[in-house]
C-alpha atoms as a PDB file:
ATOM      1  CA  MET A   1       0.009 -20.327  11.064  1.00  0.00           C
ATOM      2  CA  HIS A   2       3.816 -18.409  10.238  1.00  0.00           C
ATOM      3  CA  SER A   3       3.917 -15.227   8.200  1.00  0.00           C
ATOM      4  CA  PHE A   4       6.910 -14.501   5.591  1.00  0.00           C
ATOM      5  CA  MET A   5       7.699 -11.518   4.002  1.00  0.00           C
ATOM      6  CA  ASP A   6       6.637 -12.321   0.419  1.00  0.00           C
ATOM      7  CA  MET A   7       8.820 -13.540  -2.635  1.00  0.00           C
ATOM      8  CA  ASN A   8       9.059  -9.929  -3.436  1.00  0.00           C
ATOM      9  CA  TRP A   9      11.230  -9.284  -0.414  1.00  0.00           C
ATOM     10  CA  GLN A  10      13.603 -12.236  -0.537  1.00  0.00           C
ATOM     11  CA  TYR A  11      16.899 -11.087  -1.080  1.00  0.00           C
ATOM     12  CA  ASP A  12      19.032 -11.985  -4.425  1.00  0.00           C
ATOM     13  CA  LYS A  13      16.326 -13.933  -5.598  1.00  0.00           C
ATOM     14  CA  PRO A  14      16.059 -17.176  -2.952  1.00  0.00           C
ATOM     15  CA  SER A  15      13.289 -20.001  -3.033  1.00  0.00           C
ATOM     16  CA  ASN A  16       9.743 -18.920  -2.841  1.00  0.00           C
ATOM     17  CA  PRO A  17       8.659 -19.370   0.846  1.00  0.00           C
ATOM     18  CA  ALA A  18       5.796 -20.916  -0.466  1.00  0.00           C
ATOM     19  CA  ASP A  19       7.889 -24.016  -1.238  1.00  0.00           C
ATOM     20  CA  ALA A  20       8.806 -24.507   2.516  1.00  0.00           C
ATOM     21  CA  ALA A  21       5.185 -24.816   3.635  1.00  0.00           C
ATOM     22  CA  ILE A  22       4.439 -27.166   6.828  1.00  0.00           C
ATOM     23  CA  GLY A  23       1.312 -25.534   7.875  1.00  0.00           C
ATOM     24  CA  PRO A  24      -0.962 -22.849   7.115  1.00  0.00           C
ATOM     25  CA  GLN A  25       1.014 -19.099   5.774  1.00  0.00           C
ATOM     26  CA  ALA A  26       0.683 -16.315   5.237  1.00  0.00           C
ATOM     27  CA  TYR A  27       2.167 -13.120   3.730  1.00  0.00           C
ATOM     28  CA  ASP A  28       3.049  -9.888   4.404  1.00  0.00           C
ATOM     29  CA  ASN A  29       4.306  -7.256   2.219  1.00  0.00           C
ATOM     30  CA  HIS A  30       5.410  -3.557   2.700  1.00  0.00           C
ATOM     31  CA  LEU A  31       5.244  -1.084  -0.234  1.00  0.00           C
ATOM     32  CA  TYR A  32       6.683   2.547   0.300  1.00  0.00           C
ATOM     33  CA  TYR A  33       6.328   5.124  -2.976  1.00  0.00           C
ATOM     34  CA  SER A  34       8.904   7.418  -1.005  1.00  0.00           C
ATOM     35  CA  VAL A  35      11.405   5.641  -3.899  1.00  0.00           C
ATOM     36  CA  ALA A  36       8.775   6.071  -6.704  1.00  0.00           C
ATOM     37  CA  ALA A  37       9.378   8.890  -9.459  1.00  0.00           C
ATOM     38  CA  ASP A  38       8.180  11.997  -7.583  1.00  0.00           C
ATOM     39  CA  ASP A  39       5.271  13.286  -9.022  1.00  0.00           C
ATOM     40  CA  PRO A  40       1.099  12.776  -8.184  1.00  0.00           C
ATOM     41  CA  GLU A  41       0.487  11.227 -11.455  1.00  0.00           C
ATOM     42  CA  SER A  42       3.373   8.886 -11.396  1.00  0.00           C
ATOM     43  CA  TYR A  43       2.355   7.287  -7.690  1.00  0.00           C
ATOM     44  CA  MET A  44      -1.527   7.359  -8.808  1.00  0.00           C
ATOM     45  CA  THR A  45      -0.852   5.679 -12.010  1.00  0.00           C
ATOM     46  CA  SER A  46       1.402   2.910 -10.282  1.00  0.00           C
ATOM     47  CA  ILE A  47      -0.792   2.120  -7.209  1.00  0.00           C
ATOM     48  CA  CYS A  48      -3.717   1.886  -9.485  1.00  0.00           C
ATOM     49  CA  ASN A  49      -2.378  -0.807 -11.938  1.00  0.00           C
ATOM     50  CA  LEU A  50      -0.617  -2.226  -8.604  1.00  0.00           C
ATOM     51  CA  GLN A  51      -1.245  -6.314  -9.676  1.00  0.00           C
ATOM     52  CA  ARG A  52       1.071  -7.785  -6.318  1.00  0.00           C
ATOM     53  CA  ILE A  53      -2.020  -9.206  -4.856  1.00  0.00           C
ATOM     54  CA  GLN A  54      -2.516 -11.395  -8.095  1.00  0.00           C
ATOM     55  CA  ALA A  55       1.231 -12.041  -9.050  1.00  0.00           C
ATOM     56  CA  ASP A  56       1.790 -13.421  -5.325  1.00  0.00           C
ATOM     57  CA  ALA A  57      -1.090 -15.323  -5.351  1.00  0.00           C
ATOM     58  CA  ALA A  58       0.379 -17.083  -8.700  1.00  0.00           C
ATOM     59  CA  VAL A  59       3.305 -18.380  -6.867  1.00  0.00           C
ATOM     60  CA  GLY A  60       1.296 -19.396  -3.786  1.00  0.00           C
ATOM     61  CA  ASN A  61       2.342 -16.318  -1.731  1.00  0.00           C
ATOM     62  CA  SER A  62      -1.325 -15.895  -0.528  1.00  0.00           C
ATOM     63  CA  PRO A  63      -3.073 -14.653   1.499  1.00  0.00           C
ATOM     64  CA  LEU A  64      -0.861 -11.284   1.310  1.00  0.00           C
ATOM     65  CA  TRP A  65      -1.275  -8.059   3.320  1.00  0.00           C
ATOM     66  CA  PHE A  66       0.409  -4.821   2.766  1.00  0.00           C
ATOM     67  CA  GLY A  67       1.748  -5.137   6.987  1.00  0.00           C
ATOM     68  CA  GLU A  68       3.182  -1.231   6.579  1.00  0.00           C
ATOM     69  CA  TRP A  69       2.647   1.484   4.252  1.00  0.00           C
ATOM     70  CA  SER A  70       2.314   5.125   4.647  1.00  0.00           C
ATOM     71  CA  LEU A  71       1.065   8.710   2.757  1.00  0.00           C
ATOM     72  CA  GLY A  72       4.807   9.367   2.489  1.00  0.00           C
ATOM     73  CA  THR A  73       6.073  10.991  -0.887  1.00  0.00           C
ATOM     74  CA  GLN A  74       9.221  12.240  -2.347  1.00  0.00           C
ATOM     75  CA  PHE A  75       7.593  15.572  -3.220  1.00  0.00           C
ATOM     76  CA  ASN A  76       5.841  18.080  -1.298  1.00  0.00           C
ATOM     77  CA  ALA A  77       2.329  16.062  -1.337  1.00  0.00           C
ATOM     78  CA  THR A  78      -1.023  18.766  -1.368  1.00  0.00           C
ATOM     79  CA  ASP A  79      -3.602  18.091   0.966  1.00  0.00           C
ATOM     80  CA  GLU A  80      -5.986  17.334  -1.931  1.00  0.00           C
ATOM     81  CA  PHE A  81      -3.069  14.369  -3.559  1.00  0.00           C
ATOM     82  CA  LEU A  82      -2.899  12.983   0.187  1.00  0.00           C
ATOM     83  CA  TYR A  83      -7.199  12.702   0.431  1.00  0.00           C
ATOM     84  CA  LYS A  84      -6.750  10.719  -3.189  1.00  0.00           C
ATOM     85  CA  TRP A  85      -3.519   8.815  -2.036  1.00  0.00           C
ATOM     86  CA  ALA A  86      -5.118   7.483   0.897  1.00  0.00           C
ATOM     87  CA  ASP A  87      -7.933   6.447  -0.796  1.00  0.00           C
ATOM     88  CA  ALA A  88      -5.875   4.635  -3.573  1.00  0.00           C
ATOM     89  CA  GLN A  89      -3.862   2.754  -1.158  1.00  0.00           C
ATOM     90  CA  LYS A  90      -6.931   1.575   0.581  1.00  0.00           C
ATOM     91  CA  LEU A  91      -8.470   0.575  -2.578  1.00  0.00           C
ATOM     92  CA  ALA A  92      -5.276  -1.348  -3.674  1.00  0.00           C
ATOM     93  CA  TYR A  93      -4.383  -3.056  -0.363  1.00  0.00           C
ATOM     94  CA  SER A  94      -8.033  -4.222   0.617  1.00  0.00           C
ATOM     95  CA  LYS A  95      -7.865  -6.262  -2.683  1.00  0.00           C
ATOM     96  CA  GLY A  96      -5.930  -8.442  -0.521  1.00  0.00           C
ATOM     97  CA  ALA A  97      -6.092  -9.689   2.789  1.00  0.00           C
ATOM     98  CA  GLY A  98      -6.345  -6.377   4.404  1.00  0.00           C
ATOM     99  CA  TRP A  99      -3.788  -3.541   5.330  1.00  0.00           C
ATOM    100  CA  ILE A 100      -1.935  -2.398   8.166  1.00  0.00           C
ATOM    101  CA  PHE A 101      -0.968   1.370   8.295  1.00  0.00           C
ATOM    102  CA  TRP A 102       2.791   2.024   9.410  1.00  0.00           C
ATOM    103  CA  SER A 103       1.988   4.103  13.044  1.00  0.00           C
ATOM    104  CA  PHE A 104      -0.793   4.565  14.857  1.00  0.00           C
ATOM    105  CA  LYS A 105       0.810   8.005  16.453  1.00  0.00           C
ATOM    106  CA  ILE A 106       4.142   9.845  16.391  1.00  0.00           C
ATOM    107  CA  GLU A 107       5.671  12.449  17.613  1.00  0.00           C
ATOM    108  CA  ILE A 108       4.834  15.543  16.387  1.00  0.00           C
ATOM    109  CA  SER A 109       7.881  18.105  16.305  1.00  0.00           C
ATOM    110  CA  SER A 110      10.188  20.109  14.197  1.00  0.00           C
ATOM    111  CA  LEU A 111      11.638  17.545  12.473  1.00  0.00           C
ATOM    112  CA  SER A 112       7.999  15.811  11.661  1.00  0.00           C
ATOM    113  CA  SER A 113       4.725  17.191  11.245  1.00  0.00           C
ATOM    114  CA  GLY A 114       3.167  13.548  11.370  1.00  0.00           C
ATOM    115  CA  ARG A 115       1.038  14.021   8.011  1.00  0.00           C
ATOM    116  CA  GLN A 116       1.753  11.112   6.593  1.00  0.00           C
ATOM    117  CA  TRP A 117       3.408   8.874   8.871  1.00  0.00           C
ATOM    118  CA  SER A 118       1.046   8.876  11.636  1.00  0.00           C
ATOM    119  CA  TYR A 119      -2.086   7.282  11.337  1.00  0.00           C
ATOM    120  CA  LEU A 120      -4.418   9.520  13.978  1.00  0.00           C
ATOM    121  CA  GLU A 121      -2.894  12.740  12.202  1.00  0.00           C
ATOM    122  CA  GLY A 122      -3.557  11.322   9.033  1.00  0.00           C
ATOM    123  CA  LEU A 123      -7.371  10.727  10.711  1.00  0.00           C
ATOM    124  CA  LYS A 124      -7.486  14.276  11.981  1.00  0.00           C
ATOM    125  CA  LEU A 125      -6.379  16.207   8.916  1.00  0.00           C
ATOM    126  CA  GLY A 126      -9.395  14.119   6.496  1.00  0.00           C
ATOM    127  CA  PHE A 127      -7.092  12.155   4.354  1.00  0.00           C
ATOM    128  CA  LEU A 128      -7.587   8.706   6.580  1.00  0.00           C
ATOM    129  CA  THR A 129     -11.713   8.292   7.164  1.00  0.00           C
ATOM    130  CA  GLN A 130     -12.862   7.657  10.720  1.00  0.00           C
ATOM    131  CA  ASP A 131     -13.794   4.021   9.177  1.00  0.00           C
ATOM    132  CA  PRO A 132     -10.913   2.328   8.275  1.00  0.00           C
ATOM    133  CA  ALA A 133     -12.959   0.449   4.849  1.00  0.00           C
ATOM    134  CA  THR A 134     -14.279   3.584   4.016  1.00  0.00           C
ATOM    135  CA  LEU A 135     -13.136   5.842   1.140  1.00  0.00           C
ATOM    136  CA  HIS A 136     -13.964   9.154   0.013  1.00  0.00           C
ATOM    137  CA  ASP A 137     -13.857   8.201  -3.497  1.00  0.00           C
ATOM    138  CA  PRO A 138     -14.310   4.723  -4.685  1.00  0.00           C
ATOM    139  CA  ASN A 139     -13.449   5.972  -8.127  1.00  0.00           C
ATOM    140  CA  VAL A 140     -10.223   7.606  -6.974  1.00  0.00           C
ATOM    141  CA  CYS A 141      -8.172   5.504  -9.970  1.00  0.00           C
ATOM    142  CA  VAL A 142     -10.884   5.639 -12.871  1.00  0.00           C
ATOM    143  CA  PRO A 143      -8.802   8.156 -14.178  1.00  0.00           C
ATOM    144  CA  TYR A 144      -5.793   6.496 -13.853  1.00  0.00           C
ATOM    145  CA  THR A 145      -5.934   2.912 -14.830  1.00  0.00           C
ATOM    146  CA  HIS A 146      -4.731   1.906 -18.297  1.00  0.00           C
ATOM    147  CA  ASN A 147      -7.917  -0.562 -18.594  1.00  0.00           C
ATOM    148  CA  SER A 148     -10.624  -2.112 -17.153  1.00  0.00           C
ATOM    149  CA  SER A 149      -9.335  -5.073 -16.463  1.00  0.00           C
ATOM    150  CA  ASN A 150      -6.197  -3.045 -14.273  1.00  0.00           C
ATOM    151  CA  ASN A 151      -3.828  -5.507 -15.892  1.00  0.00           C
ATOM    152  CA  VAL A 152       0.206  -3.349 -15.423  1.00  0.00           C
ATOM    153  CA  ILE A 153       2.262  -4.405 -13.007  1.00  0.00           C
ATOM    154  CA  GLY A 154       3.219  -2.034 -10.334  1.00  0.00           C
ATOM    155  CA  ASN A 155       5.782  -2.491  -7.604  1.00  0.00           C
END
């Protein structure tokens, strides 16, 4: 099996990696919302309406997994928000072939608390669940979805 970054990661709109298929292929995408609008509502609306998996499948970039994600934000996120943010991302990324959190463990220092970038720290603080497939709130996206078919294109 060959793994490629999906079409969204190709520079300057080159050809689709699916067109070069020589045997089984899978696709990876890294979504970081640290460059999104800097408020909780925008983050939740974007992730809860994510259509990346469906869009990639339409151009042959499937199966797709999310090989990097974190709880990072461009605002001072509250603990309450990080519970929702973790659940919403796990919910969205689990609709594909799965996900891999950015870093299992990072060094805690005066420069970084690890709170949003370390899986173990997120687990310790309760933002992430002991069973990665479990959500604190499986309905976390209900207030943020534009409609029941969830058909707004996300990042």
